[in-house]
């Protein structure tokens, strides 16, 4: 793995943790006890990061599901997806991270299996990549649970598109364990 890719992966993970830390301030104690860092749910991996510096005493680790999608040659990350729960919310949120240089006006298109595509904006770009967030409300959450794959399409210019396919194998069990 190249130094550049390691830096991108580390930066994306750090940014994801920071974003999830802002959003997922704390999890219930039951959620913290139900999963462990590195636990696998088929194609999804649990990541648990220590509470941020300055967090209240007794704060539990922030845990979320994670999946990285690489290019066809397996050497270039196309996207990262992290999914976790907000306190006192029944539906999870997803934070998506894409490489720099993508064409922002087209946003991201999400399609689960052969379902209807939905477009959403890229919220922000940082020096290490661009981010988007989604609430997985009932209809979308059920589609993730019953689907086999989610395709996220973005563009490098108005013509050149990239589709990153996220496996949904193990998603239902993983999300259930986080809750």
C-alpha atoms as a PDB file:
ATOM      1  CA  UNK A   1       0.000   0.000   0.000  1.00  0.00           C
ATOM      2  CA  UNK A   2       1.463   3.356  -0.975  1.00  0.00           C
ATOM      3  CA  UNK A   3       2.237   6.127   1.496  1.00  0.00           C
ATOM      4  CA  UNK A   4      -0.283   8.358  -0.294  1.00  0.00           C
ATOM      5  CA  UNK A   5      -3.056   5.760   0.054  1.00  0.00           C
ATOM      6  CA  UNK A   6      -2.148   5.102   3.696  1.00  0.00           C
ATOM      7  CA  UNK A   7      -2.361   8.843   4.338  1.00  0.00           C
ATOM      8  CA  UNK A   8      -5.744   9.034   2.561  1.00  0.00           C
ATOM      9  CA  UNK A   9      -7.103   6.067   4.533  1.00  0.00           C
ATOM     10  CA  UNK A  10      -5.787   7.403   7.850  1.00  0.00           C
ATOM     11  CA  UNK A  11      -7.102  10.880   7.096  1.00  0.00           C
ATOM     12  CA  UNK A  12     -10.507   9.564   6.075  1.00  0.00           C
ATOM     13  CA  UNK A  13     -10.747   7.426   9.204  1.00  0.00           C
ATOM     14  CA  UNK A  14      -9.703  10.358  11.400  1.00  0.00           C
ATOM     15  CA  UNK A  15     -12.193  12.651   9.684  1.00  0.00           C
ATOM     16  CA  UNK A  16     -14.920  10.018   9.963  1.00  0.00           C
ATOM     17  CA  UNK A  17     -14.225   9.580  13.657  1.00  0.00           C
ATOM     18  CA  UNK A  18     -14.297  13.352  14.139  1.00  0.00           C
ATOM     19  CA  UNK A  19     -17.552  13.668  12.213  1.00  0.00           C
ATOM     20  CA  UNK A  20     -19.117  10.704  13.952  1.00  0.00           C
ATOM     21  CA  UNK A  21     -17.829  12.098  17.251  1.00  0.00           C
ATOM     22  CA  UNK A  22     -19.689  15.321  16.577  1.00  0.00           C
ATOM     23  CA  UNK A  23     -22.816  13.460  15.552  1.00  0.00           C
ATOM     24  CA  UNK A  24     -22.617  10.356  17.716  1.00  0.00           C
ATOM     25  CA  UNK A  25     -21.694  12.041  20.957  1.00  0.00           C
ATOM     26  CA  UNK A  26     -22.354   8.948  23.043  1.00  0.00           C
ATOM     27  CA  UNK A  27     -23.886   5.559  22.556  1.00  0.00           C
ATOM     28  CA  UNK A  28     -25.963   3.757  25.089  1.00  0.00           C
ATOM     29  CA  UNK A  29     -23.980   1.407  27.332  1.00  0.00           C
ATOM     30  CA  UNK A  30     -25.781  -1.548  25.779  1.00  0.00           C
ATOM     31  CA  UNK A  31     -24.535  -0.525  22.328  1.00  0.00           C
ATOM     32  CA  UNK A  32     -20.968  -0.292  23.578  1.00  0.00           C
ATOM     33  CA  UNK A  33     -21.180  -3.772  25.093  1.00  0.00           C
ATOM     34  CA  UNK A  34     -22.832  -5.385  22.039  1.00  0.00           C
ATOM     35  CA  UNK A  35     -19.937  -4.883  19.602  1.00  0.00           C
ATOM     36  CA  UNK A  36     -16.160  -4.878  19.707  1.00  0.00           C
ATOM     37  CA  UNK A  37     -13.597  -3.131  17.553  1.00  0.00           C
ATOM     38  CA  UNK A  38     -12.731  -5.258  14.541  1.00  0.00           C
ATOM     39  CA  UNK A  39     -15.822  -7.448  14.822  1.00  0.00           C
ATOM     40  CA  UNK A  40     -16.968  -8.588  11.365  1.00  0.00           C
ATOM     41  CA  UNK A  41     -20.481  -8.814  10.016  1.00  0.00           C
ATOM     42  CA  UNK A  42     -19.699 -10.407   6.655  1.00  0.00           C
ATOM     43  CA  UNK A  43     -18.573  -7.442   4.495  1.00  0.00           C
ATOM     44  CA  UNK A  44     -18.861  -4.844   7.286  1.00  0.00           C
ATOM     45  CA  UNK A  45     -16.364  -4.209  10.069  1.00  0.00           C
ATOM     46  CA  UNK A  46     -17.049  -2.529  13.402  1.00  0.00           C
ATOM     47  CA  UNK A  47     -14.711   0.276  14.375  1.00  0.00           C
ATOM     48  CA  UNK A  48     -14.703   1.553  17.932  1.00  0.00           C
ATOM     49  CA  UNK A  49     -12.700   4.651  18.692  1.00  0.00           C
ATOM     50  CA  UNK A  50     -11.877   6.013  22.107  1.00  0.00           C
ATOM     51  CA  UNK A  51     -13.926   8.987  23.283  1.00  0.00           C
ATOM     52  CA  UNK A  52     -12.537  12.321  22.127  1.00  0.00           C
ATOM     53  CA  UNK A  53     -10.210  14.228  24.394  1.00  0.00           C
ATOM     54  CA  UNK A  54     -12.306  16.250  26.819  1.00  0.00           C
ATOM     55  CA  UNK A  55     -15.257  13.829  26.645  1.00  0.00           C
ATOM     56  CA  UNK A  56     -17.155  13.352  29.906  1.00  0.00           C
ATOM     57  CA  UNK A  57     -15.710  10.799  32.288  1.00  0.00           C
ATOM     58  CA  UNK A  58     -17.255   7.404  31.705  1.00  0.00           C
ATOM     59  CA  UNK A  59     -17.920   8.093  28.005  1.00  0.00           C
ATOM     60  CA  UNK A  60     -17.878   4.882  26.032  1.00  0.00           C
ATOM     61  CA  UNK A  61     -16.112   4.275  22.715  1.00  0.00           C
ATOM     62  CA  UNK A  62     -17.836   5.475  19.551  1.00  0.00           C
ATOM     63  CA  UNK A  63     -18.658   2.408  17.454  1.00  0.00           C
ATOM     64  CA  UNK A  64     -19.780   2.339  13.847  1.00  0.00           C
ATOM     65  CA  UNK A  65     -19.898   0.024  10.850  1.00  0.00           C
ATOM     66  CA  UNK A  66     -17.266   0.637   8.191  1.00  0.00           C
ATOM     67  CA  UNK A  67     -16.650  -0.501   4.653  1.00  0.00           C
ATOM     68  CA  UNK A  68     -14.030   0.618   2.150  1.00  0.00           C
ATOM     69  CA  UNK A  69     -14.605   0.284  -1.601  1.00  0.00           C
ATOM     70  CA  UNK A  70     -11.523   0.050  -3.817  1.00  0.00           C
ATOM     71  CA  UNK A  71     -11.079   0.340  -7.576  1.00  0.00           C
ATOM     72  CA  UNK A  72     -11.059  -2.689  -9.843  1.00  0.00           C
ATOM     73  CA  UNK A  73      -7.327  -3.194  -9.406  1.00  0.00           C
ATOM     74  CA  UNK A  74      -7.801  -2.990  -5.642  1.00  0.00           C
ATOM     75  CA  UNK A  75      -5.231  -0.292  -5.117  1.00  0.00           C
ATOM     76  CA  UNK A  76      -7.213   2.939  -5.074  1.00  0.00           C
ATOM     77  CA  UNK A  77      -9.992   3.687  -2.587  1.00  0.00           C
ATOM     78  CA  UNK A  78     -13.171   4.865  -4.328  1.00  0.00           C
ATOM     79  CA  UNK A  79     -15.100   5.598  -1.153  1.00  0.00           C
ATOM     80  CA  UNK A  80     -15.542   4.850   2.529  1.00  0.00           C
ATOM     81  CA  UNK A  81     -18.874   4.441   4.268  1.00  0.00           C
ATOM     82  CA  UNK A  82     -19.385   4.650   8.031  1.00  0.00           C
ATOM     83  CA  UNK A  83     -22.753   3.983   9.687  1.00  0.00           C
ATOM     84  CA  UNK A  84     -23.735   4.608  13.295  1.00  0.00           C
ATOM     85  CA  UNK A  85     -26.545   5.818  15.551  1.00  0.00           C
ATOM     86  CA  UNK A  86     -27.325   9.234  16.963  1.00  0.00           C
ATOM     87  CA  UNK A  87     -28.257   9.321  20.638  1.00  0.00           C
ATOM     88  CA  UNK A  88     -31.988   8.859  21.189  1.00  0.00           C
ATOM     89  CA  UNK A  89     -32.652   8.169  17.498  1.00  0.00           C
ATOM     90  CA  UNK A  90     -34.041   4.980  16.064  1.00  0.00           C
ATOM     91  CA  UNK A  91     -32.495   5.348  12.608  1.00  0.00           C
ATOM     92  CA  UNK A  92     -28.790   5.261  11.800  1.00  0.00           C
ATOM     93  CA  UNK A  93     -26.824   7.869   9.851  1.00  0.00           C
ATOM     94  CA  UNK A  94     -24.251   7.241   7.137  1.00  0.00           C
ATOM     95  CA  UNK A  95     -21.162   9.338   6.506  1.00  0.00           C
ATOM     96  CA  UNK A  96     -19.638   8.859   3.083  1.00  0.00           C
ATOM     97  CA  UNK A  97     -16.140   9.904   2.082  1.00  0.00           C
ATOM     98  CA  UNK A  98     -14.960  10.335  -1.515  1.00  0.00           C
ATOM     99  CA  UNK A  99     -11.584  11.289  -3.022  1.00  0.00           C
ATOM    100  CA  UNK A 100     -10.673  14.876  -3.825  1.00  0.00           C
ATOM    101  CA  UNK A 101     -11.104  16.006  -7.405  1.00  0.00           C
ATOM    102  CA  UNK A 102     -14.662  14.828  -7.878  1.00  0.00           C
ATOM    103  CA  UNK A 103     -17.118  16.986  -9.822  1.00  0.00           C
ATOM    104  CA  UNK A 104     -19.291  18.609  -7.145  1.00  0.00           C
ATOM    105  CA  UNK A 105     -22.302  19.872  -9.186  1.00  0.00           C
ATOM    106  CA  UNK A 106     -23.527  16.347  -9.982  1.00  0.00           C
ATOM    107  CA  UNK A 107     -23.477  15.246  -6.349  1.00  0.00           C
ATOM    108  CA  UNK A 108     -23.805  11.565  -5.512  1.00  0.00           C
ATOM    109  CA  UNK A 109     -26.378   9.127  -6.877  1.00  0.00           C
ATOM    110  CA  UNK A 110     -27.382   6.187  -4.688  1.00  0.00           C
ATOM    111  CA  UNK A 111     -29.118   3.124  -6.088  1.00  0.00           C
ATOM    112  CA  UNK A 112     -29.850  -0.010  -4.068  1.00  0.00           C
ATOM    113  CA  UNK A 113     -29.978  -3.083  -6.293  1.00  0.00           C
ATOM    114  CA  UNK A 114     -32.310  -2.162  -9.188  1.00  0.00           C
ATOM    115  CA  UNK A 115     -34.307   0.362  -7.151  1.00  0.00           C
ATOM    116  CA  UNK A 116     -35.006   3.965  -7.996  1.00  0.00           C
ATOM    117  CA  UNK A 117     -31.845   6.120  -7.952  1.00  0.00           C
ATOM    118  CA  UNK A 118     -31.721   9.036  -5.485  1.00  0.00           C
ATOM    119  CA  UNK A 119     -29.380  12.010  -5.757  1.00  0.00           C
ATOM    120  CA  UNK A 120     -27.926  13.893  -2.814  1.00  0.00           C
ATOM    121  CA  UNK A 121     -25.308  16.628  -2.451  1.00  0.00           C
ATOM    122  CA  UNK A 122     -21.710  16.435  -1.420  1.00  0.00           C
ATOM    123  CA  UNK A 123     -21.695  18.473   1.775  1.00  0.00           C
ATOM    124  CA  UNK A 124     -18.062  19.467   2.145  1.00  0.00           C
ATOM    125  CA  UNK A 125     -14.557  18.869   0.907  1.00  0.00           C
ATOM    126  CA  UNK A 126     -11.550  18.791   3.196  1.00  0.00           C
ATOM    127  CA  UNK A 127      -7.852  18.456   2.299  1.00  0.00           C
ATOM    128  CA  UNK A 128      -8.219  14.659   2.554  1.00  0.00           C
ATOM    129  CA  UNK A 129     -11.516  14.096   0.722  1.00  0.00           C
ATOM    130  CA  UNK A 130     -15.135  15.088   0.213  1.00  0.00           C
ATOM    131  CA  UNK A 131     -17.982  14.122   2.552  1.00  0.00           C
ATOM    132  CA  UNK A 132     -21.697  13.518   2.360  1.00  0.00           C
ATOM    133  CA  UNK A 133     -24.136  12.359   5.014  1.00  0.00           C
ATOM    134  CA  UNK A 134     -27.433  10.503   4.907  1.00  0.00           C
ATOM    135  CA  UNK A 135     -30.070   9.696   7.468  1.00  0.00           C
ATOM    136  CA  UNK A 136     -31.149   6.132   6.930  1.00  0.00           C
ATOM    137  CA  UNK A 137     -34.842   6.743   7.614  1.00  0.00           C
ATOM    138  CA  UNK A 138     -37.293   3.829   7.460  1.00  0.00           C
ATOM    139  CA  UNK A 139     -37.628   3.428   3.674  1.00  0.00           C
ATOM    140  CA  UNK A 140     -33.912   3.771   2.964  1.00  0.00           C
ATOM    141  CA  UNK A 141     -32.923   1.658   5.977  1.00  0.00           C
ATOM    142  CA  UNK A 142     -35.297  -1.128   4.875  1.00  0.00           C
ATOM    143  CA  UNK A 143     -33.845  -0.970   1.351  1.00  0.00           C
ATOM    144  CA  UNK A 144     -30.326  -1.333   2.795  1.00  0.00           C
ATOM    145  CA  UNK A 145     -31.466  -4.279   4.926  1.00  0.00           C
ATOM    146  CA  UNK A 146     -33.239  -6.120   2.108  1.00  0.00           C
ATOM    147  CA  UNK A 147     -30.753  -5.289  -0.658  1.00  0.00           C
ATOM    148  CA  UNK A 148     -27.582  -7.010  -1.774  1.00  0.00           C
ATOM    149  CA  UNK A 149     -25.662  -3.939  -2.892  1.00  0.00           C
ATOM    150  CA  UNK A 150     -25.740  -0.144  -2.922  1.00  0.00           C
ATOM    151  CA  UNK A 151     -24.172   1.723  -5.830  1.00  0.00           C
ATOM    152  CA  UNK A 152     -22.806   5.211  -5.204  1.00  0.00           C
ATOM    153  CA  UNK A 153     -22.045   7.101  -8.417  1.00  0.00           C
ATOM    154  CA  UNK A 154     -20.038  10.309  -8.648  1.00  0.00           C
ATOM    155  CA  UNK A 155     -18.228  12.109 -11.458  1.00  0.00           C
ATOM    156  CA  UNK A 156     -14.665  13.324 -12.021  1.00  0.00           C
ATOM    157  CA  UNK A 157     -15.984  15.743 -14.633  1.00  0.00           C
ATOM    158  CA  UNK A 158     -19.329  16.219 -16.344  1.00  0.00           C
ATOM    159  CA  UNK A 159     -18.735  13.047 -18.406  1.00  0.00           C
ATOM    160  CA  UNK A 160     -16.486  10.612 -16.502  1.00  0.00           C
ATOM    161  CA  UNK A 161     -18.463   8.766 -13.839  1.00  0.00           C
ATOM    162  CA  UNK A 162     -17.303   6.340 -11.182  1.00  0.00           C
ATOM    163  CA  UNK A 163     -19.564   3.826  -9.488  1.00  0.00           C
ATOM    164  CA  UNK A 164     -18.562   2.372  -6.143  1.00  0.00           C
ATOM    165  CA  UNK A 165     -20.570  -0.698  -5.175  1.00  0.00           C
ATOM    166  CA  UNK A 166     -21.006  -1.302  -1.446  1.00  0.00           C
ATOM    167  CA  UNK A 167     -21.912  -4.822  -0.385  1.00  0.00           C
ATOM    168  CA  UNK A 168     -24.888  -4.994   1.949  1.00  0.00           C
ATOM    169  CA  UNK A 169     -24.000  -8.517   3.069  1.00  0.00           C
ATOM    170  CA  UNK A 170     -24.009  -8.459   6.869  1.00  0.00           C
ATOM    171  CA  UNK A 171     -25.515  -4.963   7.056  1.00  0.00           C
ATOM    172  CA  UNK A 172     -28.697  -6.002   8.888  1.00  0.00           C
ATOM    173  CA  UNK A 173     -26.821  -7.948  11.569  1.00  0.00           C
ATOM    174  CA  UNK A 174     -24.212  -5.211  11.963  1.00  0.00           C
ATOM    175  CA  UNK A 175     -26.717  -2.390  12.329  1.00  0.00           C
ATOM    176  CA  UNK A 176     -28.748  -4.513  14.726  1.00  0.00           C
ATOM    177  CA  UNK A 177     -25.688  -5.105  16.894  1.00  0.00           C
ATOM    178  CA  UNK A 178     -24.872  -1.387  17.009  1.00  0.00           C
ATOM    179  CA  UNK A 179     -28.309  -0.384  18.243  1.00  0.00           C
END
